[in-house]
Structure formats: C-alpha cells, structure tokens
C-alpha cells in the first residue's frame, strides 16, 4: 500500500512539474502568446456580440479563467478542445480534463483496497482514465462519417441554388435549414457567423477546423480560392461533388478488400482470451500457472505488449488513406 501511494504521488508530482514548467516557459518566453490571446478575445467578443439565434448560442461557451489559461499555454489542452469540438460533446474540455484524474484516482483507490500488484493496478487505472478520450474519439469519427456521407448532396444543393440565382451565403443558409445535423448545424453556424459580420474567409475556415474531414477541407480551400481570385463557382462545386463521390466509392471498395485483414485481426486477437476461458473450464490448475507464478505473470505482460503492438500494426496496414 505504501509503495502504491508513493508511486501515485511521484506520478502526480512529475506531471504537475512538467505542466508548470511548460506553462512558465510559454507565459514568459513565447512571443506569440500575447497575439494568440488577443486574437482569441477578438473572435470570442465578435461571436458573443452577435449570438442571437439559439443554434449559435449553443456554440458560445463561457470558459473559466483556468480553461482560458490552459487553452493559451497548454498544447495538450488545445488538442483536447479540438477533440471535444470535433465530437460536438456536451462536456467541455475542462470537464473532461478534470474527469480523467478523478477516474484514475478512484480506480487506484478502490484497487488499493484489494491489493493486486502495483503495475497491473496502475495499468488498469490508466486504461479507465483514458475511456473519456476514446469515447470522444469515437463520437468524432461517427460525426465525421455522417458529415462526409451528406457532403456531396449538400454541394449539389448549393450548386442548384447558385444556378437559380441565389448568392453563396444564402445557399449555405438553405443547406443549414434543410439538412439534418451534423451538416445542417455546421452550415447554419457558418451562415450565422457571416451574418454577424465575421469575414467569409474566417467563417468558412472555422468550418474546416470544427469538422476534421479531408473532403470538407477541399471544399473550404476551393471556396477561399474562388472568393479571392474569382471563377465559375458552380462548375467548381459540381466537379468537387463528383470527385468526393468517387472518393467515397473508392473508400468503400478498399474497405471491402481490407475486410479480410480486419477479420483476421479480430480472430487472432480473440484467440488467447477464448483459449484461456476454455482451459479455465477444462483444467483450471494448468492455466492458473499464468497468474499464480512470477514467470507466468511476466509472460502475460510480454504477450499483452506484443498483442497491442500487433493490433496497431494491422490497423495501419488495413487503414488505407484515399
């Protein structure tokens, strides 16, 4: 118990020292910190001043001074903010950041009541504490897929509206009104921001930041270039819509061809657990050597690390970017 508490205290001290040292360095030696702070205050003031619709008020959140300081000085917190924004989570980045150490400490405390070894308990605590991050990543991936599936239809809608004589801003507003979330909500935000006086380049650029979609980035870049240089926007969007549809079709073919590799990964990954469960029922004394002897415990650690490494290798093999 004493060794466990000592390890936890050392862990907290090291993490606190790293964040404190980095914060001091950013606070006093980074020349861009003040510029970022002023830019953040300007954008927040502009949005808050014009936030009149209920949809946009949902996007405007009152951050605490601690969250503002972390957003300006901690890259890890900024990454968490982006993840929360991509997932459109009801939780704020500060709440998720506070939840992680609470989960870690709770599991560590409960596990210490029934001491089962320092290293496994720390691993279990870290795994439980990382669940909010994995949950946000899953929500972000699900939301991005839903956005990508509707993006070609939205581009066709904008193209038809432009050919009918509507402006680009009103066409974006029509997509926001007639399409469901997430694509409808995001385009409504863009339409509201343009109406509040935010420049078109900034409003459409923020759309690309809120949704981490490669297809959307092509759309944003095309609009920004066309807005600055001119050109036939309807032909541009029509060609972009066809390209995105071809990319979606190609991704579907690749996913089908890579399904064998994913199935092999699931089978190979589940075999050790299935065999362990079967042997536990057939001959428990034989399999219990793995967790009752030091050699067996070491084998569990080594095999677990190799399985995790193999999982990431196979995931990268079957994850072909288009």
Protein backbone atom coordinates (compact mmCIF):
# COMPACT_ATOMS: atom_id res chain seq x y z
CA UNK A 1 0.00 0.00 0.00
CA UNK A 2 2.80 2.42 0.88
CA UNK A 3 4.61 1.67 -2.36
CA UNK A 4 1.42 2.24 -4.35
CA UNK A 5 0.72 5.61 -2.75
CA UNK A 6 4.34 6.62 -3.23
CA UNK A 7 4.19 5.76 -6.94
CA UNK A 8 0.96 7.72 -7.36
CA UNK A 9 2.41 10.75 -5.57
CA UNK A 10 5.54 10.67 -7.75
CA UNK A 11 3.37 10.43 -10.85
CA UNK A 12 1.32 13.48 -9.85
CA UNK A 13 4.43 15.48 -8.96
CA UNK A 14 6.13 14.72 -12.28
CA UNK A 15 3.04 15.61 -14.32
CA UNK A 16 2.49 18.81 -12.34
CA UNK A 17 6.15 19.82 -12.71
CA UNK A 18 6.03 19.27 -16.48
CA UNK A 19 2.84 21.33 -16.91
CA UNK A 20 4.11 24.07 -14.59
CA UNK A 21 7.48 24.31 -16.33
CA UNK A 22 5.91 24.41 -19.75
CA UNK A 23 3.36 26.99 -18.64
CA UNK A 24 6.07 29.26 -17.26
CA UNK A 25 8.07 28.94 -20.46
CA UNK A 26 5.06 29.76 -22.64
CA UNK A 27 3.96 32.58 -20.36
CA UNK A 28 7.24 34.46 -20.30
CA UNK A 29 9.23 33.37 -23.36
CA UNK A 30 6.74 32.70 -26.16
CA UNK A 31 6.33 35.86 -28.32
CA UNK A 32 3.12 34.53 -29.89
CA UNK A 33 1.25 34.05 -26.60
CA UNK A 34 0.01 37.64 -26.42
CA UNK A 35 -1.02 37.63 -30.09
CA UNK A 36 -2.97 34.41 -29.62
CA UNK A 37 -4.66 35.83 -26.54
CA UNK A 38 -5.73 39.00 -28.34
CA UNK A 39 -6.96 37.05 -31.37
CA UNK A 40 -8.95 34.69 -29.16
CA UNK A 41 -10.52 37.61 -27.28
CA UNK A 42 -11.43 39.37 -30.55
CA UNK A 43 -13.11 36.32 -32.05
CA UNK A 44 -14.97 35.50 -28.83
CA UNK A 45 -16.21 39.09 -28.50
CA UNK A 46 -17.43 39.15 -32.10
CA UNK A 47 -19.30 35.89 -31.75
CA UNK A 48 -20.81 36.73 -28.36
CA UNK A 49 -21.90 40.16 -29.55
CA UNK A 50 -23.76 38.70 -32.50
CA UNK A 51 -25.03 35.47 -31.00
CA UNK A 52 -28.76 35.94 -31.36
CA UNK A 53 -30.03 32.58 -32.62
CA UNK A 54 -30.41 29.56 -30.37
CA UNK A 55 -28.17 27.44 -32.60
CA UNK A 56 -25.28 29.83 -32.30
CA UNK A 57 -25.72 30.36 -28.57
CA UNK A 58 -25.09 26.66 -28.14
CA UNK A 59 -21.68 27.18 -29.73
CA UNK A 60 -20.74 30.05 -27.45
CA UNK A 61 -19.50 28.72 -24.12
CA UNK A 62 -18.34 30.65 -21.10
CA UNK A 63 -14.88 29.33 -20.21
CA UNK A 64 -13.35 29.73 -16.78
CA UNK A 65 -10.08 31.65 -16.36
CA UNK A 66 -8.27 28.35 -15.80
CA UNK A 67 -9.62 26.94 -19.07
CA UNK A 68 -8.66 30.11 -20.93
CA UNK A 69 -5.13 29.97 -19.50
CA UNK A 70 -4.78 26.28 -20.40
CA UNK A 71 -6.12 26.96 -23.89
CA UNK A 72 -3.45 29.60 -24.40
CA UNK A 73 -0.49 27.80 -22.81
CA UNK A 74 -1.04 24.01 -22.92
CA UNK A 75 -0.91 22.25 -26.31
CA UNK A 76 -2.42 19.08 -24.79
CA UNK A 77 -5.45 21.06 -23.59
CA UNK A 78 -5.83 22.69 -27.01
CA UNK A 79 -5.79 19.21 -28.57
CA UNK A 80 -8.49 18.17 -26.10
CA UNK A 81 -10.54 21.25 -27.00
CA UNK A 82 -10.32 20.36 -30.68
CA UNK A 83 -11.36 16.78 -29.92
CA UNK A 84 -14.37 17.99 -27.90
CA UNK A 85 -15.30 20.35 -30.71
CA UNK A 86 -14.96 17.62 -33.35
CA UNK A 87 -17.12 15.27 -31.28
CA UNK A 88 -19.69 18.01 -30.51
CA UNK A 89 -19.66 16.71 -26.96
CA UNK A 90 -21.94 18.16 -24.27
CA UNK A 91 -18.91 18.14 -21.96
CA UNK A 92 -16.39 20.96 -22.07
CA UNK A 93 -12.67 20.33 -22.39
CA UNK A 94 -12.12 21.43 -18.79
CA UNK A 95 -14.70 18.94 -17.54
CA UNK A 96 -13.07 16.10 -19.48
CA UNK A 97 -9.63 17.13 -18.22
CA UNK A 98 -10.95 17.08 -14.65
CA UNK A 99 -12.71 13.74 -15.15
CA UNK A 100 -9.53 11.90 -16.22
CA UNK A 101 -7.59 12.26 -12.92
CA UNK A 102 -10.79 11.61 -10.95
CA UNK A 103 -11.27 8.28 -12.72
CA UNK A 104 -7.59 7.45 -12.32
CA UNK A 105 -7.61 8.19 -8.59
CA UNK A 106 -10.93 6.41 -7.99
CA UNK A 107 -9.84 3.17 -9.66
CA UNK A 108 -6.47 3.37 -7.92
CA UNK A 109 -8.10 3.86 -4.52
CA UNK A 110 -10.64 1.07 -4.98
CA UNK A 111 -7.97 -1.27 -6.31
CA UNK A 112 -5.66 -0.48 -3.41
CA UNK A 113 -8.30 -1.82 -1.01
CA UNK A 114 -7.72 -5.19 -2.60
CA UNK A 115 -4.03 -5.00 -3.43
CA UNK A 116 -3.25 -6.92 -6.62
CA UNK A 117 0.15 -5.56 -7.60
CA UNK A 118 1.30 -2.04 -8.36
CA UNK A 119 1.91 -2.35 -12.10
CA UNK A 120 -1.40 -4.05 -13.03
CA UNK A 121 -3.33 -1.59 -10.87
CA UNK A 122 -1.63 1.40 -12.46
CA UNK A 123 -2.31 -0.03 -15.91
CA UNK A 124 -5.98 -0.59 -15.06
CA UNK A 125 -6.29 2.94 -13.65
CA UNK A 126 -4.70 4.45 -16.75
CA UNK A 127 -7.00 2.41 -19.00
CA UNK A 128 -10.15 3.51 -17.18
CA UNK A 129 -8.96 7.13 -17.09
CA UNK A 130 -8.46 7.09 -20.87
CA UNK A 131 -12.04 5.96 -21.56
CA UNK A 132 -13.37 9.57 -21.93
CA UNK A 133 -10.73 10.22 -24.62
CA UNK A 134 -11.67 7.08 -26.55
CA UNK A 135 -15.35 7.99 -26.18
CA UNK A 136 -14.71 11.44 -27.67
CA UNK A 137 -12.65 9.95 -30.50
CA UNK A 138 -15.50 7.54 -31.28
CA UNK A 139 -18.04 10.36 -31.30
CA UNK A 140 -15.79 12.47 -33.54
CA UNK A 141 -15.31 9.62 -36.03
CA UNK A 142 -19.04 8.89 -36.10
CA UNK A 143 -19.89 12.55 -36.63
CA UNK A 144 -17.26 12.95 -39.36
CA UNK A 145 -18.63 9.93 -41.25
CA UNK A 146 -22.17 11.29 -41.03
CA UNK A 147 -20.91 14.64 -42.34
CA UNK A 148 -18.95 13.07 -45.22
CA UNK A 149 -21.94 10.98 -46.32
CA UNK A 150 -24.13 14.07 -46.77
CA UNK A 151 -21.49 16.46 -48.12
CA UNK A 152 -21.93 15.60 -51.84
CA UNK A 153 -25.68 16.17 -51.56
CA UNK A 154 -25.08 19.50 -49.84
CA UNK A 155 -22.68 20.58 -52.59
CA UNK A 156 -25.24 19.66 -55.24
CA UNK A 157 -27.84 21.68 -53.33
CA UNK A 158 -25.54 24.72 -53.24
CA UNK A 159 -24.81 24.33 -56.95
CA UNK A 160 -28.51 24.22 -57.85
CA UNK A 161 -29.20 27.25 -55.65
CA UNK A 162 -26.41 29.22 -57.33
CA UNK A 163 -27.75 28.35 -60.78
CA UNK A 164 -31.19 29.51 -59.64
CA UNK A 165 -29.74 32.95 -58.85
CA UNK A 166 -29.13 32.75 -55.10
CA UNK A 167 -25.93 34.07 -53.53
CA UNK A 168 -23.37 31.77 -51.98
CA UNK A 169 -24.25 32.93 -48.45
CA UNK A 170 -27.96 32.32 -48.91
CA UNK A 171 -27.21 28.93 -50.49
CA UNK A 172 -25.21 27.95 -47.41
CA UNK A 173 -28.11 29.11 -45.25
CA UNK A 174 -30.53 26.96 -47.26
CA UNK A 175 -28.36 23.89 -46.64
CA UNK A 176 -28.31 24.74 -42.94
CA UNK A 177 -32.09 24.91 -42.78
CA UNK A 178 -32.99 21.91 -44.92
CA UNK A 179 -30.36 19.34 -43.91
CA UNK A 180 -30.18 17.46 -40.60
CA UNK A 181 -27.27 17.58 -38.20
CA UNK A 182 -24.33 17.44 -38.26
CA UNK A 183 -24.02 19.03 -41.70
CA UNK A 184 -27.09 21.23 -41.28
CA UNK A 185 -25.95 22.56 -37.90
CA UNK A 186 -22.44 23.35 -39.13
CA UNK A 187 -23.68 25.23 -42.19
CA UNK A 188 -26.15 27.14 -40.02
CA UNK A 189 -23.24 28.27 -37.86
CA UNK A 190 -21.36 29.48 -40.95
CA UNK A 191 -24.43 31.36 -42.18
CA UNK A 192 -24.98 32.99 -38.77
CA UNK A 193 -21.32 33.97 -38.42
CA UNK A 194 -21.33 35.65 -41.84
CA UNK A 195 -24.49 37.49 -40.84
CA UNK A 196 -22.82 38.65 -37.61
CA UNK A 197 -20.09 40.34 -39.63
CA UNK A 198 -17.32 37.76 -39.40
CA UNK A 199 -15.34 37.71 -42.69
CA UNK A 200 -16.26 34.93 -45.11
CA UNK A 201 -12.73 33.52 -45.10
CA UNK A 202 -12.71 33.20 -41.30
CA UNK A 203 -16.22 31.74 -41.08
CA UNK A 204 -15.64 29.08 -43.74
CA UNK A 205 -12.17 28.37 -42.35
CA UNK A 206 -13.63 27.68 -38.91
CA UNK A 207 -15.95 25.14 -40.54
CA UNK A 208 -12.90 23.19 -41.67
CA UNK A 209 -11.49 23.35 -38.14
CA UNK A 210 -14.68 22.12 -36.48
CA UNK A 211 -15.04 19.05 -38.73
CA UNK A 212 -11.80 17.10 -39.42
CA UNK A 213 -12.83 15.91 -42.87
CA UNK A 214 -10.46 15.77 -45.83
CA UNK A 215 -13.34 16.21 -48.28
CA UNK A 216 -14.56 19.26 -46.39
CA UNK A 217 -11.07 20.77 -46.47
CA UNK A 218 -11.16 20.55 -50.28
CA UNK A 219 -14.50 22.39 -50.23
CA UNK A 220 -13.20 25.07 -47.85
CA UNK A 221 -10.00 25.59 -49.85
CA UNK A 222 -11.98 25.83 -53.10
CA UNK A 223 -14.33 28.47 -51.67
CA UNK A 224 -11.48 30.54 -50.24
CA UNK A 225 -9.53 30.47 -53.51
CA UNK A 226 -12.62 31.27 -55.57
CA UNK A 227 -13.58 34.07 -53.15
CA UNK A 228 -10.17 35.70 -53.62
CA UNK A 229 -9.49 35.04 -57.31
CA UNK A 230 -12.95 34.61 -58.85
CA UNK A 231 -14.12 32.00 -61.34
CA UNK A 232 -17.12 29.83 -62.15
CA UNK A 233 -18.21 28.61 -58.74
CA UNK A 234 -20.99 26.32 -59.98
CA UNK A 235 -18.63 24.29 -62.18
CA UNK A 236 -16.10 24.18 -59.36
CA UNK A 237 -18.61 22.79 -56.85
CA UNK A 238 -20.07 20.39 -59.41
CA UNK A 239 -16.64 18.94 -60.14
CA UNK A 240 -15.81 18.78 -56.44
CA UNK A 241 -19.05 16.90 -55.73
CA UNK A 242 -18.23 14.31 -58.39
CA UNK A 243 -14.70 13.92 -57.03
CA UNK A 244 -15.94 13.40 -53.48
CA UNK A 245 -18.43 10.77 -54.66
CA UNK A 246 -15.65 8.90 -56.46
CA UNK A 247 -13.51 9.06 -53.31
CA UNK A 248 -16.38 7.66 -51.22
CA UNK A 249 -16.89 4.85 -53.75
CA UNK A 250 -13.17 4.05 -53.77
CA UNK A 251 -13.04 4.03 -49.96
CA UNK A 252 -15.93 1.55 -49.94
CA UNK A 253 -14.06 -0.77 -52.32
CA UNK A 254 -10.90 -0.55 -50.24
CA UNK A 255 -12.85 -1.25 -47.07
CA UNK A 256 -14.36 -4.33 -48.68
CA UNK A 257 -10.97 -5.61 -49.83
CA UNK A 258 -9.44 -4.94 -46.40
CA UNK A 259 -12.25 -6.68 -44.53
CA UNK A 260 -10.28 -9.94 -44.60
CA UNK A 261 -7.40 -8.30 -42.77
CA UNK A 262 -9.74 -6.83 -40.15
CA UNK A 263 -11.45 -10.19 -39.66
CA UNK A 264 -8.06 -11.87 -39.25
CA UNK A 265 -7.10 -9.29 -36.66
CA UNK A 266 -10.27 -9.89 -34.63
CA UNK A 267 -9.83 -13.67 -34.81
CA UNK A 268 -6.16 -13.60 -33.85
CA UNK A 269 -6.80 -11.05 -31.10
CA UNK A 270 -9.62 -13.02 -29.53
CA UNK A 271 -7.94 -16.44 -29.67
CA UNK A 272 -5.80 -16.02 -26.49
CA UNK A 273 -8.83 -14.99 -24.45
CA UNK A 274 -11.01 -17.78 -25.85
CA UNK A 275 -8.33 -20.40 -25.23
CA UNK A 276 -7.79 -19.09 -21.70
CA UNK A 277 -11.53 -19.28 -20.97
CA UNK A 278 -11.78 -22.84 -22.36
CA UNK A 279 -8.74 -24.07 -20.42
CA UNK A 280 -10.08 -22.44 -17.26
CA UNK A 281 -13.19 -24.59 -17.59
CA UNK A 282 -11.37 -27.78 -18.60
CA UNK A 283 -8.22 -27.66 -16.47
CA UNK A 284 -8.01 -24.60 -14.22
CA UNK A 285 -4.90 -25.80 -12.37
CA UNK A 286 -2.99 -25.95 -15.65
CA UNK A 287 -3.87 -22.46 -16.92
CA UNK A 288 -3.72 -20.78 -13.49
CA UNK A 289 0.07 -21.03 -13.67
CA UNK A 290 -0.04 -17.91 -15.82
CA UNK A 291 -1.23 -15.65 -13.00
CA UNK A 292 -0.02 -17.52 -9.91
CA UNK A 293 3.70 -17.67 -10.74
CA UNK A 294 6.17 -14.82 -11.47
CA UNK A 295 7.15 -16.39 -14.77
CA UNK A 296 3.52 -16.62 -15.87
CA UNK A 297 2.83 -13.00 -14.94
CA UNK A 298 5.86 -11.91 -16.97
CA UNK A 299 4.54 -13.90 -19.93
CA UNK A 300 1.19 -12.12 -19.60
CA UNK A 301 2.92 -8.72 -19.68
CA UNK A 302 5.06 -9.63 -22.69
CA UNK A 303 2.17 -11.19 -24.64
CA UNK A 304 -0.09 -8.23 -23.84
CA UNK A 305 2.50 -5.75 -25.12
CA UNK A 306 3.04 -7.81 -28.28
CA UNK A 307 -0.72 -8.02 -28.87
CA UNK A 308 -1.10 -4.26 -28.55
CA UNK A 309 1.80 -3.70 -30.93
CA UNK A 310 0.36 -6.17 -33.43
CA UNK A 311 -3.06 -4.52 -33.19
CA UNK A 312 -1.66 -1.13 -34.17
CA UNK A 313 0.46 -2.63 -36.97
CA UNK A 314 -2.52 -4.45 -38.51
CA UNK A 315 -4.71 -1.38 -38.11
CA UNK A 316 -2.20 0.71 -40.07
CA UNK A 317 -1.95 -1.99 -42.75
CA UNK A 318 -5.71 -2.11 -43.40
CA UNK A 319 -6.25 1.64 -42.95
CA UNK A 320 -5.50 2.84 -46.48
CA UNK A 321 -5.93 6.56 -46.99
CA UNK A 322 -7.63 7.76 -50.17
